[in-house]
Protein backbone atom coordinates (compact mmCIF):
# COMPACT_ATOMS: atom_id res chain seq x y z
CA UNK A 1 3.30 4.23 -17.78
CA UNK A 2 2.48 7.60 -16.58
CA UNK A 3 -1.37 7.77 -18.27
CA UNK A 4 -1.87 4.24 -16.22
CA UNK A 5 -0.66 5.18 -13.32
CA UNK A 6 -2.89 8.14 -13.42
CA UNK A 7 -6.10 6.23 -14.46
CA UNK A 8 -5.27 3.26 -11.80
CA UNK A 9 -4.86 5.76 -9.06
CA UNK A 10 -8.07 7.84 -9.74
CA UNK A 11 -10.13 4.12 -10.06
CA UNK A 12 -8.64 2.96 -6.99
CA UNK A 13 -9.13 5.91 -5.15
CA UNK A 14 -11.86 4.60 -3.33
CA UNK A 15 -10.23 1.37 -2.31
CA UNK A 16 -7.82 3.26 -0.41
CA UNK A 17 -9.92 5.58 1.13
CA UNK A 18 -11.74 2.64 2.73
CA UNK A 19 -8.20 0.77 3.45
CA UNK A 20 -6.99 4.52 5.41
CA UNK A 21 -9.93 4.58 7.45
CA UNK A 22 -10.11 1.12 8.60
CA UNK A 23 -6.61 1.07 9.44
CA UNK A 24 -6.84 4.31 11.44
CA UNK A 25 -7.48 4.39 15.69
CA UNK A 26 -10.58 7.11 14.72
CA UNK A 27 -12.29 4.10 13.34
CA UNK A 28 -15.77 3.49 15.03
CA UNK A 29 -16.34 0.27 16.43
CA UNK A 30 -19.63 -1.70 16.80
CA UNK A 31 -20.13 -3.62 20.04
CA UNK A 32 -21.95 -6.98 19.87
CA UNK A 33 -23.62 -8.92 22.67
CA UNK A 34 -22.20 -12.22 23.13
CA UNK A 35 -24.60 -14.58 25.99
CA UNK A 36 -22.01 -16.63 27.90
CA UNK A 37 -22.89 -19.72 30.05
CA UNK A 38 -21.72 -19.80 33.20
CA UNK A 39 -21.03 -22.83 34.60
CA UNK A 40 -21.28 -22.99 39.02
CA UNK A 41 -24.19 -19.62 38.84
CA UNK A 42 -26.84 -19.72 41.29
CA UNK A 43 -29.65 -18.80 39.35
CA UNK A 44 -27.43 -21.12 36.14
CA UNK A 45 -28.53 -18.44 33.79
CA UNK A 46 -25.91 -16.71 31.50
CA UNK A 47 -23.85 -13.99 31.21
CA UNK A 48 -23.61 -11.34 28.28
CA UNK A 49 -20.06 -11.01 26.73
CA UNK A 50 -19.55 -7.17 25.23
CA UNK A 51 -17.32 -7.80 22.23
CA UNK A 52 -15.97 -4.97 20.06
CA UNK A 53 -15.65 -5.98 16.46
CA UNK A 54 -14.09 -3.90 13.85
CA UNK A 55 -16.89 -2.48 10.71
CA UNK A 56 -15.35 -4.49 7.60
CA UNK A 57 -14.99 -2.66 3.88
CA UNK A 58 -18.74 -2.12 2.79
CA UNK A 59 -19.17 -1.18 5.99
CA UNK A 60 -16.85 2.02 5.76
CA UNK A 61 -17.97 2.56 2.37
CA UNK A 62 -21.49 2.53 3.51
CA UNK A 63 -20.75 5.20 6.41
CA UNK A 64 -18.82 7.27 4.37
CA UNK A 65 -21.43 7.32 1.54
CA UNK A 66 -24.57 8.17 4.21
CA UNK A 67 -22.69 10.83 6.26
CA UNK A 68 -20.07 12.26 3.79
CA UNK A 69 -20.96 11.43 0.25
CA UNK A 70 -20.07 9.99 -2.47
CA UNK A 71 -16.63 13.04 -3.40
CA UNK A 72 -15.67 11.53 0.31
CA UNK A 73 -13.67 8.66 -1.81
CA UNK A 74 -11.90 10.48 -3.42
CA UNK A 75 -10.30 12.31 -0.29
CA UNK A 76 -6.56 12.63 -1.13
CA UNK A 77 -6.95 12.14 -4.96
CA UNK A 78 -4.93 15.38 -5.53
CA UNK A 79 -1.49 14.89 -3.77
CA UNK A 80 -1.92 11.26 -5.47
CA UNK A 81 -1.93 12.32 -9.05
CA UNK A 82 0.80 14.87 -8.36
CA UNK A 83 2.83 12.36 -6.58
CA UNK A 84 2.30 8.75 -8.39
CA UNK A 85 4.04 9.42 -11.71
CA UNK A 86 7.19 11.20 -10.20
CA UNK A 87 7.77 7.96 -7.34
CA UNK A 88 7.69 5.28 -9.91
CA UNK A 89 10.08 7.33 -12.13
CA UNK A 90 12.32 8.16 -9.43
CA UNK A 91 11.89 4.46 -7.92
CA UNK A 92 12.29 2.69 -11.32
CA UNK A 93 15.40 4.93 -12.29
CA UNK A 94 17.27 3.81 -8.69
CA UNK A 95 15.95 0.27 -9.20
CA UNK A 96 17.75 0.26 -12.98
CA UNK A 97 21.03 2.30 -11.89
CA UNK A 98 21.50 0.26 -8.69
CA UNK A 99 20.97 -3.14 -10.59
CA UNK A 100 23.95 -2.08 -12.62
CA UNK A 101 25.98 -1.27 -9.54
CA UNK A 102 25.67 -4.27 -7.98
CA UNK A 103 25.33 -6.30 -10.60
CA UNK A 104 29.41 -5.27 -10.43
CA UNK A 105 29.97 -6.07 -7.06
CA UNK A 106 27.92 -9.68 -6.80
CA UNK A 107 26.78 -11.99 -8.97
CA UNK A 108 25.10 -10.69 -12.14
CA UNK A 109 20.74 -10.86 -12.13
CA UNK A 110 21.62 -12.50 -8.70
CA UNK A 111 18.49 -12.89 -5.75
CA UNK A 112 21.12 -10.56 -3.58
CA UNK A 113 21.05 -7.78 -6.60
CA UNK A 114 17.27 -7.68 -6.81
CA UNK A 115 17.21 -7.33 -3.08
CA UNK A 116 19.73 -4.46 -2.70
CA UNK A 117 18.06 -2.96 -5.60
CA UNK A 118 14.55 -2.78 -4.68
CA UNK A 119 15.89 -1.86 -1.18
CA UNK A 120 17.97 1.19 -2.03
CA UNK A 121 15.08 2.55 -4.82
CA UNK A 122 12.60 2.15 -2.31
CA UNK A 123 14.06 4.11 0.58
CA UNK A 124 15.08 6.88 -1.38
CA UNK A 125 11.84 7.14 -3.26
CA UNK A 126 9.94 7.24 0.28
CA UNK A 127 12.63 9.62 1.46
CA UNK A 128 11.47 12.07 -0.99
CA UNK A 129 8.01 11.62 -1.59
CA UNK A 130 6.87 10.81 2.27
CA UNK A 131 5.33 14.30 2.51
CA UNK A 132 3.10 13.87 -0.18
CA UNK A 133 1.78 10.48 1.08
CA UNK A 134 1.59 12.35 4.59
CA UNK A 135 -0.94 15.27 3.40
CA UNK A 136 -2.47 12.20 0.90
CA UNK A 137 -2.94 10.60 3.81
CA UNK A 138 -3.76 13.65 6.14
CA UNK A 139 -6.61 14.37 3.95
CA UNK A 140 -8.09 10.74 3.21
CA UNK A 141 -8.50 10.57 7.46
CA UNK A 142 -10.22 13.86 7.54
CA UNK A 143 -14.49 13.27 8.51
CA UNK A 144 -16.70 16.22 7.02
CA UNK A 145 -20.45 15.87 7.21
CA UNK A 146 -22.24 15.93 3.70
CA UNK A 147 -22.60 19.56 2.46
CA UNK A 148 -19.33 21.16 3.99
CA UNK A 149 -15.92 21.99 2.77
CA UNK A 150 -12.70 19.97 2.81
CA UNK A 151 -9.65 21.07 2.80
CA UNK A 152 -8.22 20.71 -0.18
CA UNK A 153 -4.52 19.69 -0.64
CA UNK A 154 -2.52 22.91 -0.17
CA UNK A 155 -4.52 23.78 3.26
CA UNK A 156 -4.02 20.73 4.18
CA UNK A 157 0.15 21.46 3.81
CA UNK A 158 -0.47 24.64 4.92
CA UNK A 159 -2.09 23.37 8.14
CA UNK A 160 0.38 20.87 9.09
CA UNK A 161 3.37 23.16 8.60
CA UNK A 162 1.83 25.53 10.51
CA UNK A 163 0.62 23.33 13.03
CA UNK A 164 3.56 20.74 13.41
CA UNK A 165 6.60 21.89 11.33
CA UNK A 166 8.96 20.71 8.37
CA UNK A 167 9.04 17.54 11.14
CA UNK A 168 4.92 16.68 10.28
CA UNK A 169 5.32 15.84 6.78
CA UNK A 170 8.17 13.39 7.45
CA UNK A 171 5.27 11.24 9.95
CA UNK A 172 5.55 7.94 9.32
CA UNK A 173 8.54 7.50 7.39
CA UNK A 174 9.80 5.45 10.25
CA UNK A 175 7.54 2.75 8.64
CA UNK A 176 7.64 3.87 5.43
CA UNK A 177 11.30 2.71 5.49
CA UNK A 178 9.93 -0.66 7.14
CA UNK A 179 7.68 -1.20 4.44
CA UNK A 180 11.27 -1.47 2.31
CA UNK A 181 10.84 -5.22 3.01
CA UNK A 182 7.45 -5.58 1.21
CA UNK A 183 9.20 -4.21 -1.82
CA UNK A 184 12.23 -6.14 -1.40
CA UNK A 185 9.96 -9.46 -0.65
CA UNK A 186 8.08 -8.36 -3.82
CA UNK A 187 10.97 -8.19 -6.16
CA UNK A 188 12.12 -11.09 -5.02
CA UNK A 189 9.57 -12.91 -5.53
CA UNK A 190 9.12 -11.35 -9.28
CA UNK A 191 12.64 -11.37 -10.12
CA UNK A 192 12.54 -15.48 -9.24
CA UNK A 193 9.07 -16.19 -11.52
CA UNK A 194 10.42 -13.65 -14.18
CA UNK A 195 14.06 -16.19 -14.53
CA UNK A 196 11.78 -19.18 -14.61
CA UNK A 197 9.57 -17.61 -17.37
CA UNK A 198 12.12 -17.13 -19.60
CA UNK A 199 13.65 -20.60 -19.26
CA UNK A 200 9.74 -22.24 -19.75
CA UNK A 201 9.42 -20.82 -23.37
CA UNK A 202 6.59 -21.76 -25.59
CA UNK A 203 8.70 -24.06 -29.10
CA UNK A 204 9.90 -22.39 -31.45
CA UNK A 205 7.07 -22.97 -34.08
CA UNK A 206 5.65 -20.43 -32.39
CA UNK A 207 4.81 -16.66 -33.18
CA UNK A 208 6.80 -13.48 -32.56
CA UNK A 209 3.27 -11.76 -31.60
CA UNK A 210 2.22 -15.12 -29.84
CA UNK A 211 5.07 -15.30 -27.58
CA UNK A 212 5.62 -11.59 -26.94
CA UNK A 213 1.50 -12.05 -25.36
CA UNK A 214 2.27 -15.02 -23.77
CA UNK A 215 5.35 -13.82 -22.17
CA UNK A 216 3.13 -10.44 -21.32
CA UNK A 217 0.14 -12.55 -19.92
CA UNK A 218 3.33 -14.12 -17.99
CA UNK A 219 4.55 -11.04 -15.95
CA UNK A 220 1.44 -9.50 -15.09
CA UNK A 221 0.62 -12.86 -13.32
CA UNK A 222 3.93 -13.25 -11.84
CA UNK A 223 3.58 -9.50 -10.62
CA UNK A 224 0.59 -10.18 -9.29
CA UNK A 225 1.50 -13.17 -7.25
CA UNK A 226 4.66 -11.28 -5.91
CA UNK A 227 2.86 -8.15 -4.62
CA UNK A 228 0.00 -10.45 -2.95
CA UNK A 229 2.49 -12.40 -1.64
CA UNK A 230 4.44 -9.26 -0.24
CA UNK A 231 1.64 -7.38 1.03
CA UNK A 232 0.41 -10.24 3.22
CA UNK A 233 3.93 -10.46 5.16
CA UNK A 234 4.43 -7.14 5.10
CA UNK A 235 1.16 -5.28 5.73
CA UNK A 236 1.54 -4.56 9.80
CA UNK A 237 3.71 -1.19 9.08
CA UNK A 238 0.51 -0.04 6.98
CA UNK A 239 -1.53 0.07 9.46
CA UNK A 240 1.40 1.61 12.02
CA UNK A 241 2.09 4.03 9.44
CA UNK A 242 -1.32 5.73 9.01
CA UNK A 243 -1.38 5.34 13.32
CA UNK A 244 1.59 7.48 12.94
CA UNK A 245 0.12 10.35 10.37
CA UNK A 246 -2.63 10.91 12.64
CA UNK A 247 -3.13 13.99 13.72
CA UNK A 248 -3.03 14.64 17.36
CA UNK A 249 -2.13 10.96 18.69
CA UNK A 250 -0.33 9.06 21.04
CA UNK A 251 1.26 7.38 18.90
CA UNK A 252 5.12 8.46 18.05
CA UNK A 253 7.71 6.34 16.99
CA UNK A 254 7.03 3.10 15.06
CA UNK A 255 8.18 0.50 18.62
CA UNK A 256 5.69 2.58 20.69
CA UNK A 257 3.07 2.43 18.41
CA UNK A 258 3.39 -1.60 17.52
CA UNK A 259 3.16 -1.95 21.10
CA UNK A 260 0.25 -0.02 21.98
CA UNK A 261 -1.94 -1.37 18.73
CA UNK A 262 -0.81 -5.07 19.62
CA UNK A 263 -2.20 -4.51 23.76
CA UNK A 264 -4.90 -2.35 23.35
CA UNK A 265 -6.49 -4.07 19.82
CA UNK A 266 -4.48 -7.47 19.88
CA UNK A 267 -2.57 -8.50 16.28
CA UNK A 268 -5.34 -9.10 13.84
CA UNK A 269 -5.78 -4.99 14.57
CA UNK A 270 -2.36 -5.05 12.19
CA UNK A 271 -4.24 -6.82 9.41
CA UNK A 272 -7.13 -4.28 8.94
CA UNK A 273 -8.07 -3.02 6.13
CA UNK A 274 -5.60 -5.97 3.88
CA UNK A 275 -8.42 -6.79 1.49
CA UNK A 276 -9.39 -3.59 0.05
CA UNK A 277 -5.20 -3.37 -0.38
CA UNK A 278 -5.14 -6.23 -2.15
CA UNK A 279 -7.77 -5.71 -4.31
CA UNK A 280 -6.23 -2.57 -4.77
CA UNK A 281 -2.54 -3.03 -5.71
CA UNK A 282 -2.46 -6.90 -7.32
CA UNK A 283 -4.21 -5.55 -10.34
CA UNK A 284 -2.04 -2.34 -10.25
CA UNK A 285 0.81 -3.73 -9.92
CA UNK A 286 0.79 -6.22 -12.15
CA UNK A 287 -0.42 -3.89 -14.62
CA UNK A 288 3.07 -1.25 -13.59
CA UNK A 289 5.32 -4.10 -13.73
CA UNK A 290 4.51 -5.90 -16.54
CA UNK A 291 4.62 -2.44 -18.73
CA UNK A 292 7.91 -1.38 -17.40
CA UNK A 293 9.38 -5.09 -18.62
CA UNK A 294 7.28 -4.60 -22.65
CA UNK A 295 9.10 -1.25 -22.71
CA UNK A 296 12.09 -2.52 -21.85
CA UNK A 297 11.74 -5.55 -24.09
CA UNK A 298 10.68 -2.80 -26.85
CA UNK A 299 13.53 -0.40 -26.50
CA UNK A 300 16.53 -3.50 -26.72
CA UNK A 301 14.81 -4.84 -29.24
CA UNK A 302 14.33 -1.33 -31.12
CA UNK A 303 18.01 -0.69 -30.44
CA UNK A 304 19.31 -4.24 -31.78
């Protein structure tokens, strides 16, 4: 699990950097001029209407490669590698423990149990890991001219502490708490799909290896579907979180940031970078969740 998470973090780091840049308020817009015909004018000539257009994934990728170099696509990889293993360990440990507790309070393995367990685990994990993710986001947002030396993780952490104090490491935490809804939605859908998969089993004539491989593939599909749905529904919190973590910006609180983005950029701004997020997260989550289920299955089979 740890090795898989590390490899996944390395390969998906460029997509995460691009996603973070797309979410940022410092994204460079280009102005496109659309002709607009005005009826009733004396001259009858069309007027020109300027419109700001957000660059896409490939435009940001090209800009980073040309202006900053390929190494900038791996900004924030250090904190990511440091945080990925403990964050997942904490999350799954809390999820399993919370599930045991909530099973004794509610109907065992019901939707309310999965929702409460996922929410509790996400709350604890976000509270503990926010300083690491804050440093990672700040590093990804840093723009340096090609050839100049960017800050490393320790320098970035020291700079945040010197300029903003301890509270600086917890910027965006409220948005992370709002993002618990994504985890809850993901696990609620995933557990429902998993329950359905258990009901639709292969015929008894199938051998054990075929049954296990089919179940593993089914769990990967279930995880991919659940993560994709959850990401699309709860994605706006990610844009707000990135804005809150920017250095020296006008964004102060969760609600104030949401209102400001909606007023100045429109509601579509809450979904900037979603495509990069889906490409990065869906396969990653599918592998992590299905591997976790496989390990649990093997351990239970071994103890019988």
